[in-house]
Protein backbone atom coordinates (compact mmCIF):
# COMPACT_ATOMS: atom_id res chain seq x y z
CA MET A 1 100.55 150.45 189.20
CA GLY A 2 102.21 153.84 189.02
CA ARG A 3 102.31 154.42 185.26
CA LEU A 4 101.07 157.99 185.84
CA THR A 5 102.60 158.65 189.26
CA GLY A 6 102.59 162.38 189.94
CA ARG A 7 101.08 163.27 186.56
CA ARG A 8 98.65 166.17 186.57
CA THR A 9 95.70 165.20 184.41
CA ILE A 10 92.41 166.55 183.08
CA VAL A 11 89.63 164.25 181.84
CA THR A 12 86.47 165.61 180.21
CA GLY A 13 83.21 163.72 179.94
CA ALA A 14 84.14 162.10 183.25
CA ALA A 15 80.65 161.71 184.73
CA SER A 16 80.07 158.31 183.13
CA GLY A 17 81.22 155.77 180.59
CA ILE A 18 84.67 156.06 179.04
CA GLY A 19 85.50 159.30 180.83
CA ARG A 20 84.66 157.89 184.25
CA ALA A 21 86.56 154.66 183.60
CA SER A 22 89.58 156.65 182.45
CA ALA A 23 89.54 159.09 185.37
CA VAL A 24 89.34 156.22 187.85
CA LEU A 25 92.11 154.28 186.08
CA PHE A 26 94.38 157.33 185.82
CA ALA A 27 93.99 157.96 189.55
CA SER A 28 94.69 154.31 190.35
CA GLU A 29 97.94 154.67 188.40
CA GLY A 30 99.06 157.59 190.56
CA ALA A 31 97.72 160.58 188.64
CA ARG A 32 96.11 163.62 190.16
CA VAL A 33 92.87 164.00 188.25
CA LEU A 34 90.71 167.00 187.45
CA ALA A 35 87.47 165.36 186.30
CA SER A 36 85.07 167.51 184.30
CA ASP A 37 81.56 167.16 182.90
CA LEU A 38 78.24 168.98 182.73
CA ALA A 39 76.47 166.21 184.66
CA GLU A 40 77.19 167.28 188.21
CA ASP A 41 75.66 164.26 189.97
CA GLY A 42 77.54 161.77 187.82
CA LEU A 43 80.73 163.75 188.27
CA ALA A 44 80.37 163.59 192.04
CA GLU A 45 79.98 159.80 191.79
CA THR A 46 83.21 159.57 189.80
CA ILE A 47 85.08 161.61 192.41
CA ALA A 48 83.64 159.42 195.18
CA MET A 49 84.87 156.30 193.38
CA ILE A 50 88.38 157.75 193.13
CA ASP A 51 88.36 158.87 196.76
CA ALA A 52 87.17 155.47 197.94
CA ALA A 53 90.08 153.84 196.13
CA GLY A 54 92.58 156.19 197.75
CA GLY A 55 93.18 158.32 194.66
CA GLU A 56 93.40 162.10 194.34
CA ALA A 57 90.81 163.99 192.30
CA ILE A 58 88.90 167.23 192.10
CA GLN A 59 85.92 168.09 189.94
CA ALA A 60 84.82 170.95 187.71
CA VAL A 61 81.43 171.32 186.05
CA ALA A 62 82.21 172.71 182.61
CA ASN A 63 80.99 172.69 179.01
CA ALA A 64 83.73 171.07 176.92
CA GLY A 65 82.61 173.01 173.83
CA ASP A 66 82.74 176.48 175.38
CA GLU A 67 86.05 178.33 175.13
CA GLU A 68 85.81 180.28 178.37
CA ALA A 69 84.80 177.12 180.21
CA VAL A 70 87.74 175.18 178.78
CA ARG A 71 90.14 178.03 179.50
CA GLY A 72 88.90 178.09 183.08
CA LEU A 73 89.14 174.31 183.34
CA VAL A 74 92.80 174.29 182.33
CA GLU A 75 93.56 177.22 184.64
CA ARG A 76 91.85 175.35 187.48
CA GLY A 77 94.06 172.33 186.87
CA VAL A 78 97.23 174.41 186.69
CA GLU A 79 96.31 176.27 189.86
CA ALA A 80 95.37 173.12 191.79
CA PHE A 81 98.21 170.88 190.62
CA GLY A 82 100.92 173.33 189.57
CA GLY A 83 100.72 172.36 185.90
CA VAL A 84 99.21 169.88 183.48
CA ASP A 85 100.91 166.80 182.04
CA VAL A 86 98.04 164.84 180.50
CA VAL A 87 94.75 165.86 178.95
CA TYR A 88 92.07 163.44 177.80
CA ALA A 89 89.55 165.32 175.63
CA ASN A 90 86.84 162.69 175.80
CA ALA A 91 83.53 164.58 176.09
CA GLY A 92 81.14 163.95 173.23
CA ILE A 93 77.52 163.78 172.12
CA VAL A 94 75.85 161.73 169.40
CA GLY A 95 73.26 164.30 168.30
CA ASP A 96 69.81 163.61 166.88
CA MET A 97 69.25 160.27 165.16
CA VAL A 98 67.29 161.63 162.20
CA PRO A 99 67.69 161.20 158.42
CA LEU A 100 70.14 163.50 156.64
CA PHE A 101 67.52 165.66 154.95
CA GLU A 102 65.73 166.30 158.22
CA GLN A 103 68.88 167.56 159.95
CA THR A 104 69.47 171.25 160.48
CA VAL A 105 72.53 173.45 160.62
CA ASP A 106 71.89 173.92 164.32
CA ASP A 107 71.97 170.13 164.80
CA TRP A 108 75.38 169.97 163.14
CA LEU A 109 76.74 172.97 165.01
CA ARG A 110 75.76 171.47 168.36
CA VAL A 111 77.56 168.20 167.61
CA LEU A 112 80.64 169.83 166.11
CA GLN A 113 80.90 172.27 169.01
CA VAL A 114 81.37 169.50 171.56
CA ASN A 115 82.97 166.71 169.54
CA LEU A 116 85.46 168.62 167.40
CA ILE A 117 85.79 172.18 168.64
CA GLY A 118 85.99 170.83 172.21
CA PRO A 119 89.23 168.90 171.58
CA PHE A 120 90.62 171.87 169.64
CA LEU A 121 89.95 174.13 172.61
CA MET A 122 91.62 171.72 174.99
CA VAL A 123 94.70 171.65 172.76
CA LYS A 124 94.67 175.43 172.42
CA HIS A 125 94.61 176.07 176.15
CA ALA A 126 96.50 173.08 177.59
CA ALA A 127 99.32 172.65 175.07
CA PRO A 128 101.05 175.97 175.88
CA HIS A 129 101.55 174.81 179.49
CA MET A 130 102.94 171.50 178.25
CA ILE A 131 105.27 173.23 175.80
CA LYS A 132 106.78 175.27 178.63
CA GLN A 133 107.46 172.03 180.47
CA GLY A 134 108.92 170.40 177.37
CA GLN A 135 106.58 167.42 177.62
CA GLY A 136 102.93 166.41 177.70
CA ALA A 137 100.39 163.95 176.33
CA ILE A 138 97.03 164.78 174.79
CA VAL A 139 94.48 162.06 174.06
CA CYS A 140 91.23 162.65 172.14
CA THR A 141 88.22 160.41 171.70
CA ALA A 142 87.35 159.97 168.03
CA SER A 143 85.33 156.97 166.82
CA VAL A 144 85.24 154.20 164.23
CA ALA A 145 82.40 156.34 162.86
CA GLY A 146 85.14 158.76 161.82
CA LEU A 147 86.86 156.01 159.82
CA ARG A 148 83.97 154.27 158.03
CA ALA A 149 80.30 154.86 157.26
CA HIS A 150 77.35 153.22 159.05
CA ALA A 151 78.80 153.52 162.55
CA GLY A 152 76.92 156.68 163.51
CA PRO A 153 74.78 159.54 162.19
CA SER A 154 76.34 161.90 159.65
CA ALA A 155 77.08 164.88 161.91
CA TYR A 156 78.59 162.66 164.58
CA SER A 157 80.67 160.75 162.03
CA ALA A 158 81.94 163.93 160.41
CA SER A 159 82.88 165.39 163.78
CA LYS A 160 84.87 162.28 164.69
CA ALA A 161 86.63 162.22 161.32
CA GLY A 162 87.58 165.80 162.14
CA VAL A 163 89.11 164.66 165.42
CA VAL A 164 91.34 162.19 163.55
CA SER A 165 92.50 164.98 161.24
CA LEU A 166 92.95 167.36 164.17
CA VAL A 167 95.27 164.90 165.88
CA GLN A 168 97.36 164.45 162.74
CA THR A 169 97.71 168.16 162.04
CA VAL A 170 98.31 169.19 165.65
CA ALA A 171 101.02 166.54 166.05
CA ASN A 172 102.92 168.31 163.30
CA GLU A 173 102.18 171.81 164.58
CA LEU A 174 103.66 170.74 167.93
CA SER A 175 106.75 169.32 166.23
CA GLY A 176 109.82 169.49 168.46
CA THR A 177 107.94 170.58 171.58
CA GLY A 178 107.90 167.23 173.38
CA VAL A 179 104.09 167.24 173.40
CA ARG A 180 102.35 164.18 171.91
CA ILE A 181 98.76 163.89 170.71
CA ASN A 182 96.83 160.77 169.70
CA ALA A 183 93.24 159.64 169.26
CA ILE A 184 91.23 156.58 170.22
CA CYS A 185 88.50 155.35 167.88
CA PRO A 186 86.12 153.24 169.99
CA GLY A 187 83.75 150.79 168.41
CA LEU A 188 80.40 149.99 170.01
CA ILE A 189 80.89 150.55 173.73
CA GLU A 190 78.09 150.47 176.29
CA THR A 191 78.00 153.99 177.75
CA GLY A 192 75.37 156.54 178.66
CA MET A 193 75.49 157.83 175.07
CA THR A 194 74.86 154.41 173.51
CA ARG A 195 72.43 153.17 176.16
CA PRO A 196 69.34 153.51 173.89
CA ILE A 197 70.89 151.05 171.41
CA PHE A 198 71.46 148.50 174.14
CA GLU A 199 68.08 149.02 175.77
CA HIS A 200 66.32 148.62 172.42
CA ALA A 201 68.15 145.36 171.78
CA ARG A 202 67.32 144.05 175.25
CA ASP A 203 63.67 144.95 174.81
CA ARG A 204 63.63 142.98 171.55
CA GLY A 205 65.55 140.06 173.03
CA THR A 206 68.46 140.55 170.62
CA GLU A 207 71.14 141.61 173.09
CA ASP A 208 73.31 138.66 172.04
CA ARG A 209 73.56 140.15 168.54
CA ILE A 210 75.12 143.43 169.67
CA GLY A 211 78.60 143.62 168.19
CA GLN A 212 78.06 140.57 165.95
CA LEU A 213 79.72 142.22 162.94
CA ASN A 214 83.19 142.47 164.48
CA PRO A 215 85.56 139.48 164.75
CA MET A 216 85.29 139.48 168.54
CA ARG A 217 81.50 139.04 168.15
CA ARG A 218 80.73 141.29 171.11
CA HIS A 219 80.47 144.93 172.19
CA GLY A 220 83.11 146.64 174.29
CA VAL A 221 83.11 148.15 177.76
CA PRO A 222 84.50 151.50 178.95
CA ASP A 223 87.46 149.94 180.77
CA GLU A 224 88.78 148.62 177.45
CA ILE A 225 88.97 152.16 176.07
CA ALA A 226 90.38 153.50 179.34
CA ASN A 227 93.25 151.02 179.06
CA MET A 228 94.20 152.46 175.67
CA ALA A 229 93.91 156.00 177.05
CA LEU A 230 96.26 155.04 179.89
CA PHE A 231 98.80 153.65 177.43
CA LEU A 232 98.71 156.79 175.27
CA ALA A 233 98.97 159.05 178.32
CA SER A 234 101.90 157.16 179.79
CA ASP A 235 105.59 156.93 178.94
CA ASP A 236 104.88 153.51 177.44
CA ALA A 237 103.71 155.48 174.38
CA SER A 238 106.68 157.88 174.38
CA TYR A 239 107.26 157.38 170.62
CA VAL A 240 103.59 157.29 169.62
CA ASN A 241 102.33 160.53 168.08
CA GLY A 242 99.72 161.72 165.59
CA GLN A 243 97.91 158.38 165.43
CA ALA A 244 94.29 157.22 165.64
CA PHE A 245 93.82 153.78 167.17
CA ALA A 246 90.69 151.73 166.55
CA VAL A 247 89.59 149.83 169.66
CA ASP A 248 86.61 148.11 168.09
CA GLY A 249 86.99 144.35 168.26
CA GLY A 250 88.26 144.42 164.67
CA LEU A 251 85.17 146.05 163.14
CA SER A 252 87.13 148.52 161.02
CA SER A 253 89.48 145.84 159.70
CA THR A 254 87.06 144.54 157.09
CA HIS A 255 84.58 145.50 154.41
CA PRO A 256 80.82 145.01 154.96
CA PHE A 257 79.79 141.37 154.95
CA VAL A 258 76.94 139.05 155.88
CA PRO A 259 78.02 137.02 158.93
CA ARG A 260 77.87 133.25 158.64
CA ARG A 261 75.13 131.60 160.68
């Protein structure tokens, strides 16, 4: 307990899944949390969970890929809390699951706007406040799809590879400021975004095969990603910067293979 005591934090995509788990965990560790999402009902549920556990949180309905919305979100956090110490740019979308040659430029722009430009905007508007303080931690959600093929559709995968590169380049642009930035690359996690995959498997009676290609032989849950986000946001990771961590049960550790029966 208390790894984020007094820290002023912003979490995007906080209405469900990884964002909700992270917002709740941050609050349980003493952080003041500004939870943001476009899904107002889900966001209210997240705030209620934090309140019920005795944490401190406020909410803001905002589009993580819109610059004015992100600017306003950061200003809201600074106004409410007196500053910002931690930002978790987690909001993301998967986009349309269609073959490459059926995709459109608009499809790609929609995915890139949220998944890649969104984290850039959070850095752009939150980092200056952190620099003035001489310290801060930024965490971004990338994906194993940004590390290897066949973990997501092409636009989604490209956007997440961009997040990995963004973290590396920004870490160096913020050199000497005391502000750290890192990324998490989740594997297959059951969230609102991945629910169709899980529902399809359950309908077919193949739920036990989900995650079979990683050495853990199972899928992950949002709390397992939230734990990594907490580490990267906390002083436990004080010398960790510019890195992308796969939290995927070992999926990205190997080349494609046919599992033994």
